[in-house]
Amino acid sequence: MYENNFPNKRYKHTLAFLQKHIDTSESILDLGVENPFSEIMKSKGYHVQNTGGEDLDVNYETVVDSDAEVVTAFEIFEHLVAPFNVLKETKAKKLVASIPMRLWFSSAYRSKTDPWDRHYHEFEDWQFDWLLEKAGWTIKDTAKWTNPTKKLGFRPLLRLFTPRYYIVYAERE
């Protein structure tokens, strides 16, 4: 299903990491509106409910009220001003979250056409780990991968070997 989509490398790594840590019998609250990856999770047997597009910085009741065993957040926290609130208030005991990493050779992402599609945070791995730990999570596993482009130039060359995505599996009591 994801083999022919644009972000196929990211989806492939994300799915493998999710399958490594989360059983299909566990209920998932996926932060963000329904998207191609939430459809992939469902096609692989996961029971997934998405949030409704609300601004999770100020309205995270859906997260607080959810009885899901797992929260997933794939490239969501960089869009929030205060991701700590959502991370702290969820009742789920497991978390799988990925972020685009801050790249020293590139400025933070900001869409030229969509005023909501911008990154307030682009974390280094240690910053994201610290955020999770401060919100009460214990990190159990992590992975990183690159995101090369088919363009020519210095930045595309750096993207061949500089990790762009960071994913974390964490738990709490």
N, C-alpha and C. Protein backbone atom coordinates (compact mmCIF):
# COMPACT_ATOMS: atom_id res chain seq x y z
N MET A 1 0.82 -1.20 0.00
CA MET A 1 0.00 0.00 0.00
C MET A 1 0.86 1.26 0.00
N TYR A 2 1.95 1.29 0.79
CA TYR A 2 2.75 2.49 0.88
C TYR A 2 3.92 2.50 -0.09
N GLU A 3 4.14 1.44 -0.83
CA GLU A 3 5.32 1.32 -1.67
C GLU A 3 5.39 2.41 -2.74
N ASN A 4 4.25 2.86 -3.26
CA ASN A 4 4.26 3.83 -4.35
C ASN A 4 3.99 5.26 -3.90
N ASN A 5 3.82 5.47 -2.62
CA ASN A 5 3.59 6.83 -2.11
C ASN A 5 4.91 7.56 -1.95
N PHE A 6 4.85 8.88 -2.01
CA PHE A 6 6.05 9.71 -1.92
C PHE A 6 6.91 9.41 -0.69
N PRO A 7 6.33 9.39 0.52
CA PRO A 7 7.18 9.18 1.71
C PRO A 7 7.41 7.71 2.04
N ASN A 8 7.62 6.87 1.03
CA ASN A 8 7.66 5.43 1.27
C ASN A 8 8.76 5.00 2.23
N LYS A 9 9.93 5.62 2.20
CA LYS A 9 10.99 5.24 3.13
C LYS A 9 10.58 5.53 4.57
N ARG A 10 10.01 6.70 4.79
CA ARG A 10 9.57 7.08 6.13
C ARG A 10 8.48 6.13 6.61
N TYR A 11 7.50 5.84 5.76
CA TYR A 11 6.42 4.93 6.13
C TYR A 11 6.95 3.53 6.44
N LYS A 12 7.88 3.06 5.63
CA LYS A 12 8.44 1.73 5.82
C LYS A 12 9.15 1.62 7.17
N HIS A 13 9.99 2.61 7.49
CA HIS A 13 10.70 2.61 8.77
C HIS A 13 9.73 2.76 9.94
N THR A 14 8.76 3.64 9.80
CA THR A 14 7.79 3.89 10.87
C THR A 14 6.97 2.63 11.14
N LEU A 15 6.49 1.99 10.11
CA LEU A 15 5.69 0.78 10.28
C LEU A 15 6.51 -0.33 10.93
N ALA A 16 7.74 -0.53 10.49
CA ALA A 16 8.58 -1.58 11.09
C ALA A 16 8.82 -1.30 12.57
N PHE A 17 9.05 -0.04 12.93
CA PHE A 17 9.28 0.32 14.33
C PHE A 17 8.01 0.11 15.15
N LEU A 18 6.87 0.50 14.61
CA LEU A 18 5.59 0.30 15.29
C LEU A 18 5.33 -1.19 15.51
N GLN A 19 5.52 -2.00 14.48
CA GLN A 19 5.27 -3.43 14.59
C GLN A 19 6.22 -4.10 15.58
N LYS A 20 7.40 -3.56 15.73
CA LYS A 20 8.38 -4.10 16.68
C LYS A 20 7.90 -3.95 18.12
N HIS A 21 7.14 -2.86 18.40
CA HIS A 21 6.80 -2.53 19.79
C HIS A 21 5.32 -2.62 20.15
N ILE A 22 4.44 -2.52 19.18
CA ILE A 22 3.01 -2.45 19.48
C ILE A 22 2.27 -3.60 18.82
N ASP A 23 1.50 -4.32 19.61
CA ASP A 23 0.71 -5.43 19.10
C ASP A 23 -0.59 -4.90 18.49
N THR A 24 -1.10 -5.60 17.50
CA THR A 24 -2.33 -5.14 16.84
C THR A 24 -3.55 -5.22 17.77
N SER A 25 -3.43 -5.91 18.89
CA SER A 25 -4.54 -5.97 19.84
C SER A 25 -4.65 -4.72 20.70
N GLU A 26 -3.63 -3.86 20.68
CA GLU A 26 -3.64 -2.65 21.51
C GLU A 26 -4.32 -1.51 20.76
N SER A 27 -5.18 -0.78 21.46
CA SER A 27 -5.87 0.35 20.84
C SER A 27 -4.93 1.56 20.74
N ILE A 28 -5.07 2.30 19.63
CA ILE A 28 -4.18 3.42 19.36
C ILE A 28 -4.98 4.70 19.17
N LEU A 29 -4.51 5.76 19.81
CA LEU A 29 -4.96 7.12 19.50
C LEU A 29 -3.83 7.76 18.72
N ASP A 30 -4.09 8.06 17.46
CA ASP A 30 -3.09 8.68 16.59
C ASP A 30 -3.35 10.18 16.57
N LEU A 31 -2.37 10.96 17.04
CA LEU A 31 -2.54 12.40 17.07
C LEU A 31 -2.51 12.96 15.65
N GLY A 32 -3.48 13.79 15.34
CA GLY A 32 -3.63 14.34 14.00
C GLY A 32 -4.83 13.73 13.31
N VAL A 33 -5.26 14.39 12.26
CA VAL A 33 -6.41 13.90 11.49
C VAL A 33 -6.02 12.62 10.76
N GLU A 34 -7.05 11.89 10.31
CA GLU A 34 -6.79 10.69 9.54
C GLU A 34 -5.91 11.04 8.35
N ASN A 35 -4.94 10.17 8.08
CA ASN A 35 -3.93 10.47 7.07
C ASN A 35 -3.48 9.17 6.42
N PRO A 36 -2.64 9.25 5.39
CA PRO A 36 -2.21 8.01 4.73
C PRO A 36 -1.57 6.99 5.67
N PHE A 37 -0.81 7.45 6.67
CA PHE A 37 -0.18 6.47 7.54
C PHE A 37 -1.17 5.84 8.50
N SER A 38 -2.18 6.58 8.97
CA SER A 38 -3.19 5.95 9.83
C SER A 38 -3.95 4.89 9.05
N GLU A 39 -4.13 5.11 7.75
CA GLU A 39 -4.75 4.10 6.90
C GLU A 39 -3.86 2.87 6.76
N ILE A 40 -2.56 3.07 6.66
CA ILE A 40 -1.61 1.95 6.60
C ILE A 40 -1.69 1.14 7.89
N MET A 41 -1.73 1.83 9.04
CA MET A 41 -1.83 1.12 10.31
C MET A 41 -3.09 0.26 10.34
N LYS A 42 -4.20 0.82 9.91
CA LYS A 42 -5.46 0.06 9.89
C LYS A 42 -5.36 -1.13 8.95
N SER A 43 -4.72 -0.95 7.80
CA SER A 43 -4.59 -2.06 6.84
C SER A 43 -3.72 -3.18 7.39
N LYS A 44 -2.89 -2.88 8.38
CA LYS A 44 -2.03 -3.88 9.01
C LYS A 44 -2.66 -4.48 10.27
N GLY A 45 -3.93 -4.15 10.54
CA GLY A 45 -4.66 -4.76 11.64
C GLY A 45 -4.73 -3.95 12.92
N TYR A 46 -4.20 -2.75 12.93
CA TYR A 46 -4.27 -1.91 14.13
C TYR A 46 -5.63 -1.24 14.26
N HIS A 47 -6.06 -1.06 15.51
CA HIS A 47 -7.31 -0.36 15.80
C HIS A 47 -6.94 1.08 16.13
N VAL A 48 -7.19 1.99 15.19
CA VAL A 48 -6.71 3.36 15.26
C VAL A 48 -7.87 4.34 15.28
N GLN A 49 -7.79 5.29 16.21
CA GLN A 49 -8.69 6.44 16.24
C GLN A 49 -7.81 7.68 16.13
N ASN A 50 -8.20 8.62 15.29
CA ASN A 50 -7.44 9.86 15.15
C ASN A 50 -8.11 10.99 15.91
N THR A 51 -7.31 11.99 16.26
CA THR A 51 -7.89 13.22 16.80
C THR A 51 -8.55 13.96 15.63
N GLY A 52 -9.33 14.97 15.94
CA GLY A 52 -10.18 15.59 14.92
C GLY A 52 -9.66 16.86 14.28
N GLY A 53 -8.40 17.15 14.43
CA GLY A 53 -7.87 18.37 13.83
C GLY A 53 -7.89 19.56 14.77
N GLU A 54 -8.28 19.35 16.01
CA GLU A 54 -8.28 20.43 16.99
C GLU A 54 -6.86 20.90 17.27
N ASP A 55 -6.72 22.12 17.73
CA ASP A 55 -5.42 22.67 18.10
C ASP A 55 -5.02 22.04 19.43
N LEU A 56 -4.11 21.07 19.39
CA LEU A 56 -3.74 20.31 20.58
C LEU A 56 -2.93 21.13 21.59
N ASP A 57 -2.53 22.33 21.23
CA ASP A 57 -1.88 23.20 22.21
C ASP A 57 -2.89 23.72 23.23
N VAL A 58 -4.10 23.97 22.80
CA VAL A 58 -5.09 24.57 23.69
C VAL A 58 -6.28 23.66 23.97
N ASN A 59 -6.48 22.65 23.14
CA ASN A 59 -7.62 21.76 23.31
C ASN A 59 -7.15 20.32 23.18
N TYR A 60 -6.71 19.75 24.28
CA TYR A 60 -6.23 18.38 24.25
C TYR A 60 -7.14 17.45 25.04
N GLU A 61 -8.44 17.81 25.13
CA GLU A 61 -9.41 16.97 25.83
C GLU A 61 -9.55 15.60 25.19
N THR A 62 -9.47 15.53 23.86
CA THR A 62 -9.56 14.24 23.17
C THR A 62 -8.48 13.30 23.67
N VAL A 63 -7.30 13.82 23.89
CA VAL A 63 -6.18 13.01 24.38
C VAL A 63 -6.42 12.61 25.84
N VAL A 64 -6.85 13.55 26.65
CA VAL A 64 -7.10 13.29 28.07
C VAL A 64 -8.24 12.28 28.24
N ASP A 65 -9.28 12.41 27.42
CA ASP A 65 -10.45 11.55 27.56
C ASP A 65 -10.29 10.17 26.91
N SER A 66 -9.27 9.98 26.13
CA SER A 66 -9.08 8.71 25.43
C SER A 66 -8.65 7.60 26.37
N ASP A 67 -9.19 6.40 26.13
CA ASP A 67 -8.78 5.22 26.88
C ASP A 67 -7.84 4.34 26.06
N ALA A 68 -7.29 4.88 24.98
CA ALA A 68 -6.38 4.10 24.15
C ALA A 68 -5.16 3.67 24.96
N GLU A 69 -4.65 2.50 24.64
CA GLU A 69 -3.48 1.98 25.34
C GLU A 69 -2.19 2.60 24.83
N VAL A 70 -2.24 3.08 23.58
CA VAL A 70 -1.05 3.60 22.92
C VAL A 70 -1.41 4.95 22.28
N VAL A 71 -0.49 5.90 22.38
CA VAL A 71 -0.61 7.14 21.62
C VAL A 71 0.50 7.12 20.58
N THR A 72 0.12 7.41 19.33
CA THR A 72 1.12 7.58 18.29
C THR A 72 1.08 9.03 17.83
N ALA A 73 2.24 9.53 17.48
CA ALA A 73 2.37 10.92 17.03
C ALA A 73 3.50 10.96 16.00
N PHE A 74 3.12 10.92 14.74
CA PHE A 74 4.11 10.89 13.67
C PHE A 74 4.20 12.26 13.02
N GLU A 75 5.30 12.93 13.31
CA GLU A 75 5.56 14.29 12.80
C GLU A 75 4.42 15.24 13.20
N ILE A 76 4.12 15.27 14.49
CA ILE A 76 3.09 16.15 15.04
C ILE A 76 3.68 17.15 16.04
N PHE A 77 4.55 16.69 16.93
CA PHE A 77 5.01 17.53 18.03
C PHE A 77 5.78 18.76 17.58
N GLU A 78 6.40 18.73 16.42
CA GLU A 78 7.12 19.91 15.94
C GLU A 78 6.18 21.05 15.57
N HIS A 79 4.90 20.73 15.37
CA HIS A 79 3.91 21.76 15.03
C HIS A 79 3.29 22.41 16.27
N LEU A 80 3.50 21.83 17.43
CA LEU A 80 2.89 22.35 18.66
C LEU A 80 3.84 23.31 19.36
N VAL A 81 3.27 24.35 19.94
CA VAL A 81 4.04 25.28 20.75
C VAL A 81 4.40 24.61 22.08
N ALA A 82 3.46 23.84 22.63
CA ALA A 82 3.65 23.23 23.95
C ALA A 82 3.33 21.73 23.92
N PRO A 83 4.16 20.91 23.28
CA PRO A 83 3.88 19.47 23.24
C PRO A 83 3.93 18.80 24.61
N PHE A 84 4.57 19.44 25.58
CA PHE A 84 4.65 18.89 26.94
C PHE A 84 3.26 18.60 27.50
N ASN A 85 2.30 19.49 27.27
CA ASN A 85 0.95 19.33 27.83
C ASN A 85 0.29 18.04 27.37
N VAL A 86 0.33 17.77 26.08
CA VAL A 86 -0.28 16.55 25.54
C VAL A 86 0.47 15.32 26.08
N LEU A 87 1.78 15.37 26.08
CA LEU A 87 2.58 14.25 26.55
C LEU A 87 2.34 13.95 28.03
N LYS A 88 2.17 14.97 28.82
CA LYS A 88 1.98 14.81 30.26
C LYS A 88 0.57 14.32 30.59
N GLU A 89 -0.43 14.80 29.86
CA GLU A 89 -1.83 14.55 30.21
C GLU A 89 -2.43 13.27 29.66
N THR A 90 -1.82 12.64 28.67
CA THR A 90 -2.39 11.41 28.13
C THR A 90 -2.38 10.30 29.18
N LYS A 91 -3.40 9.46 29.14
CA LYS A 91 -3.48 8.34 30.06
C LYS A 91 -2.83 7.08 29.50
N ALA A 92 -2.51 7.08 28.23
CA ALA A 92 -1.90 5.91 27.61
C ALA A 92 -0.58 5.57 28.30
N LYS A 93 -0.25 4.30 28.29
CA LYS A 93 0.98 3.84 28.94
C LYS A 93 2.11 3.62 27.94
N LYS A 94 1.80 3.71 26.64
CA LYS A 94 2.81 3.52 25.61
C LYS A 94 2.72 4.65 24.59
N LEU A 95 3.88 5.01 24.06
CA LEU A 95 3.97 6.09 23.09
C LEU A 95 4.94 5.70 21.98
N VAL A 96 4.52 5.92 20.75
CA VAL A 96 5.42 5.82 19.61
C VAL A 96 5.31 7.16 18.90
N ALA A 97 6.43 7.88 18.84
CA ALA A 97 6.41 9.23 18.27
C ALA A 97 7.64 9.44 17.40
N SER A 98 7.43 10.11 16.28
CA SER A 98 8.55 10.47 15.43
C SER A 98 8.53 11.96 15.16
N ILE A 99 9.72 12.48 14.90
CA ILE A 99 9.88 13.90 14.62
C ILE A 99 10.89 14.08 13.48
N PRO A 100 10.75 15.15 12.73
CA PRO A 100 11.85 15.51 11.84
C PRO A 100 12.91 16.20 12.69
N MET A 101 14.13 15.80 12.53
CA MET A 101 15.20 16.36 13.35
C MET A 101 15.65 17.72 12.83
N ARG A 102 16.14 18.53 13.74
CA ARG A 102 16.73 19.80 13.38
C ARG A 102 18.01 19.54 12.60
N LEU A 103 18.12 20.18 11.45
CA LEU A 103 19.32 20.03 10.62
C LEU A 103 20.13 21.31 10.67
N TRP A 104 21.39 21.20 10.95
CA TRP A 104 22.24 22.38 11.09
C TRP A 104 22.39 23.14 9.79
N PHE A 105 22.15 22.51 8.67
CA PHE A 105 22.35 23.15 7.37
C PHE A 105 21.05 23.61 6.71
N SER A 106 19.94 23.57 7.47
CA SER A 106 18.66 23.93 6.88
C SER A 106 17.81 24.63 7.94
N SER A 107 17.10 25.66 7.54
CA SER A 107 16.23 26.36 8.49
C SER A 107 14.96 25.55 8.74
N ALA A 108 14.23 25.90 9.79
CA ALA A 108 13.00 25.20 10.14
C ALA A 108 11.99 25.29 9.00
N TYR A 109 11.21 24.23 8.84
CA TYR A 109 10.24 24.16 7.76
C TYR A 109 9.09 25.15 7.98
N ARG A 110 8.71 25.81 6.90
CA ARG A 110 7.55 26.71 6.92
C ARG A 110 6.94 26.74 5.53
N SER A 111 5.72 26.24 5.42
CA SER A 111 5.03 26.22 4.13
C SER A 111 4.79 27.64 3.64
N LYS A 112 4.95 27.83 2.36
CA LYS A 112 4.68 29.13 1.76
C LYS A 112 3.20 29.31 1.43
N THR A 113 2.43 28.21 1.44
CA THR A 113 1.01 28.28 1.06
C THR A 113 0.04 27.96 2.19
N ASP A 114 0.45 27.19 3.19
CA ASP A 114 -0.44 26.77 4.26
C ASP A 114 0.03 27.38 5.59
N PRO A 115 -0.75 28.31 6.16
CA PRO A 115 -0.30 28.98 7.39
C PRO A 115 -0.20 28.06 8.60
N TRP A 116 -0.81 26.87 8.55
CA TRP A 116 -0.72 25.94 9.67
C TRP A 116 0.41 24.94 9.52
N ASP A 117 0.92 24.81 8.31
CA ASP A 117 1.97 23.82 8.04
C ASP A 117 3.34 24.44 8.24
N ARG A 118 3.74 24.49 9.49
CA ARG A 118 5.06 25.04 9.85
C ARG A 118 5.54 24.35 11.12
N HIS A 119 6.82 24.40 11.32
CA HIS A 119 7.42 23.76 12.50
C HIS A 119 7.79 24.81 13.53
N TYR A 120 7.16 24.74 14.67
CA TYR A 120 7.53 25.61 15.78
C TYR A 120 8.83 25.10 16.41
N HIS A 121 8.94 23.77 16.48
CA HIS A 121 10.14 23.12 17.02
C HIS A 121 10.73 22.23 15.94
N GLU A 122 12.02 22.20 15.84
CA GLU A 122 12.73 21.11 15.18
C GLU A 122 13.78 20.68 16.18
N PHE A 123 13.55 19.51 16.75
CA PHE A 123 14.34 19.03 17.88
C PHE A 123 15.63 18.35 17.43
N GLU A 124 16.63 18.42 18.28
CA GLU A 124 17.72 17.47 18.23
C GLU A 124 17.25 16.28 19.04
N ASP A 125 17.85 15.11 18.84
CA ASP A 125 17.37 13.92 19.54
C ASP A 125 17.38 14.09 21.06
N TRP A 126 18.43 14.67 21.61
CA TRP A 126 18.52 14.83 23.06
C TRP A 126 17.43 15.75 23.60
N GLN A 127 17.02 16.76 22.81
CA GLN A 127 15.96 17.66 23.25
C GLN A 127 14.61 16.93 23.31
N PHE A 128 14.34 16.12 22.30
CA PHE A 128 13.09 15.36 22.29
C PHE A 128 13.08 14.35 23.44
N ASP A 129 14.21 13.67 23.66
CA ASP A 129 14.31 12.74 24.79
C ASP A 129 14.03 13.45 26.11
N TRP A 130 14.60 14.62 26.27
CA TRP A 130 14.43 15.39 27.51
C TRP A 130 12.96 15.77 27.70
N LEU A 131 12.31 16.20 26.63
CA LEU A 131 10.88 16.54 26.69
C LEU A 131 10.07 15.33 27.15
N LEU A 132 10.32 14.18 26.55
CA LEU A 132 9.58 12.97 26.92
C LEU A 132 9.84 12.60 28.38
N GLU A 133 11.09 12.62 28.79
CA GLU A 133 11.43 12.27 30.16
C GLU A 133 10.80 13.24 31.16
N LYS A 134 10.81 14.52 30.83
CA LYS A 134 10.21 15.53 31.72
C LYS A 134 8.70 15.33 31.84
N ALA A 135 8.07 14.81 30.79
CA ALA A 135 6.63 14.55 30.80
C ALA A 135 6.29 13.20 31.41
N GLY A 136 7.30 12.48 31.93
CA GLY A 136 7.04 11.24 32.65
C GLY A 136 7.23 9.96 31.86
N TRP A 137 7.81 10.03 30.68
CA TRP A 137 8.01 8.86 29.84
C TRP A 137 9.41 8.29 30.02
N THR A 138 9.52 6.97 29.91
CA THR A 138 10.80 6.29 29.92
C THR A 138 11.05 5.75 28.52
N ILE A 139 12.11 6.17 27.91
CA ILE A 139 12.43 5.77 26.54
C ILE A 139 12.99 4.36 26.55
N LYS A 140 12.39 3.51 25.73
CA LYS A 140 12.79 2.10 25.65
C LYS A 140 13.56 1.78 24.37
N ASP A 141 13.30 2.52 23.29
CA ASP A 141 13.97 2.25 22.02
C ASP A 141 13.89 3.50 21.14
N THR A 142 14.89 3.67 20.28
CA THR A 142 14.92 4.79 19.34
C THR A 142 15.52 4.32 18.02
N ALA A 143 15.26 5.08 16.98
CA ALA A 143 15.88 4.83 15.67
C ALA A 143 15.92 6.15 14.91
N LYS A 144 16.83 6.22 13.94
CA LYS A 144 16.97 7.40 13.07
C LYS A 144 17.13 6.92 11.64
N TRP A 145 16.73 7.76 10.70
CA TRP A 145 17.00 7.47 9.30
C TRP A 145 17.12 8.75 8.49
N THR A 146 17.73 8.62 7.34
CA THR A 146 17.96 9.77 6.47
C THR A 146 16.77 9.98 5.55
N ASN A 147 16.79 11.11 4.85
CA ASN A 147 15.75 11.42 3.88
C ASN A 147 16.40 12.07 2.66
N PRO A 148 17.12 11.29 1.87
CA PRO A 148 17.81 11.88 0.71
C PRO A 148 16.82 12.37 -0.34
N THR A 149 17.26 13.34 -1.11
CA THR A 149 16.45 13.86 -2.21
C THR A 149 17.17 13.56 -3.52
N LYS A 150 16.45 13.72 -4.61
CA LYS A 150 17.05 13.47 -5.92
C LYS A 150 17.52 14.77 -6.58
N LYS A 151 17.80 15.77 -5.75
CA LYS A 151 18.28 17.05 -6.26
C LYS A 151 19.81 17.08 -6.17
N LEU A 152 20.38 18.00 -6.89
CA LEU A 152 21.83 18.20 -6.86
C LEU A 152 22.16 19.38 -5.95
N GLY A 153 23.30 19.33 -5.30
CA GLY A 153 23.73 20.44 -4.46
C GLY A 153 24.32 19.98 -3.15
N PHE A 154 24.79 20.94 -2.38
CA PHE A 154 25.43 20.65 -1.11
C PHE A 154 24.44 20.07 -0.09
N ARG A 155 23.28 20.72 0.06
CA ARG A 155 22.29 20.22 1.02
C ARG A 155 21.79 18.82 0.66
N PRO A 156 21.43 18.57 -0.61
CA PRO A 156 21.03 17.20 -0.95
C PRO A 156 22.12 16.17 -0.67
N LEU A 157 23.37 16.54 -0.85
CA LEU A 157 24.47 15.64 -0.54
C LEU A 157 24.51 15.34 0.97
N LEU A 158 24.35 16.38 1.78
CA LEU A 158 24.33 16.19 3.23
C LEU A 158 23.16 15.31 3.68
N ARG A 159 22.03 15.42 2.98
CA ARG A 159 20.85 14.62 3.33
C ARG A 159 21.06 13.12 3.09
N LEU A 160 22.05 12.78 2.30
CA LEU A 160 22.34 11.36 2.05
C LEU A 160 22.80 10.63 3.31
N PHE A 161 23.49 11.36 4.19
CA PHE A 161 24.04 10.68 5.37
C PHE A 161 23.70 11.36 6.70
N THR A 162 22.93 12.43 6.69
CA THR A 162 22.52 13.10 7.92
C THR A 162 21.10 12.64 8.29
N PRO A 163 20.92 12.01 9.44
CA PRO A 163 19.57 11.57 9.82
C PRO A 163 18.58 12.73 9.87
N ARG A 164 17.42 12.52 9.29
CA ARG A 164 16.36 13.53 9.26
C ARG A 164 15.23 13.17 10.21
N TYR A 165 14.95 11.87 10.38
CA TYR A 165 13.82 11.45 11.21
C TYR A 165 14.32 10.68 12.42
N TYR A 166 13.62 10.89 13.53
CA TYR A 166 13.94 10.26 14.80
C TYR A 166 12.63 9.69 15.36
N ILE A 167 12.65 8.43 15.74
CA ILE A 167 11.44 7.79 16.28
C ILE A 167 11.76 7.19 17.63
N VAL A 168 10.78 7.24 18.53
CA VAL A 168 10.97 6.82 19.91
C VAL A 168 9.80 5.92 20.33
N TYR A 169 10.14 4.87 21.05
CA TYR A 169 9.13 4.08 21.77
C TYR A 169 9.38 4.34 23.25
N ALA A 170 8.33 4.76 23.95
CA ALA A 170 8.45 5.06 25.38
C ALA A 170 7.26 4.48 26.14
N GLU A 171 7.48 4.27 27.42
CA GLU A 171 6.44 3.74 28.30
C GLU A 171 6.42 4.56 29.58
N ARG A 172 5.32 4.41 30.30
CA ARG A 172 5.26 4.96 31.66
C ARG A 172 4.28 4.13 32.48
N GLU A 173 4.43 4.26 33.79
CA GLU A 173 3.59 3.47 34.71
C GLU A 173 2.30 4.19 35.00
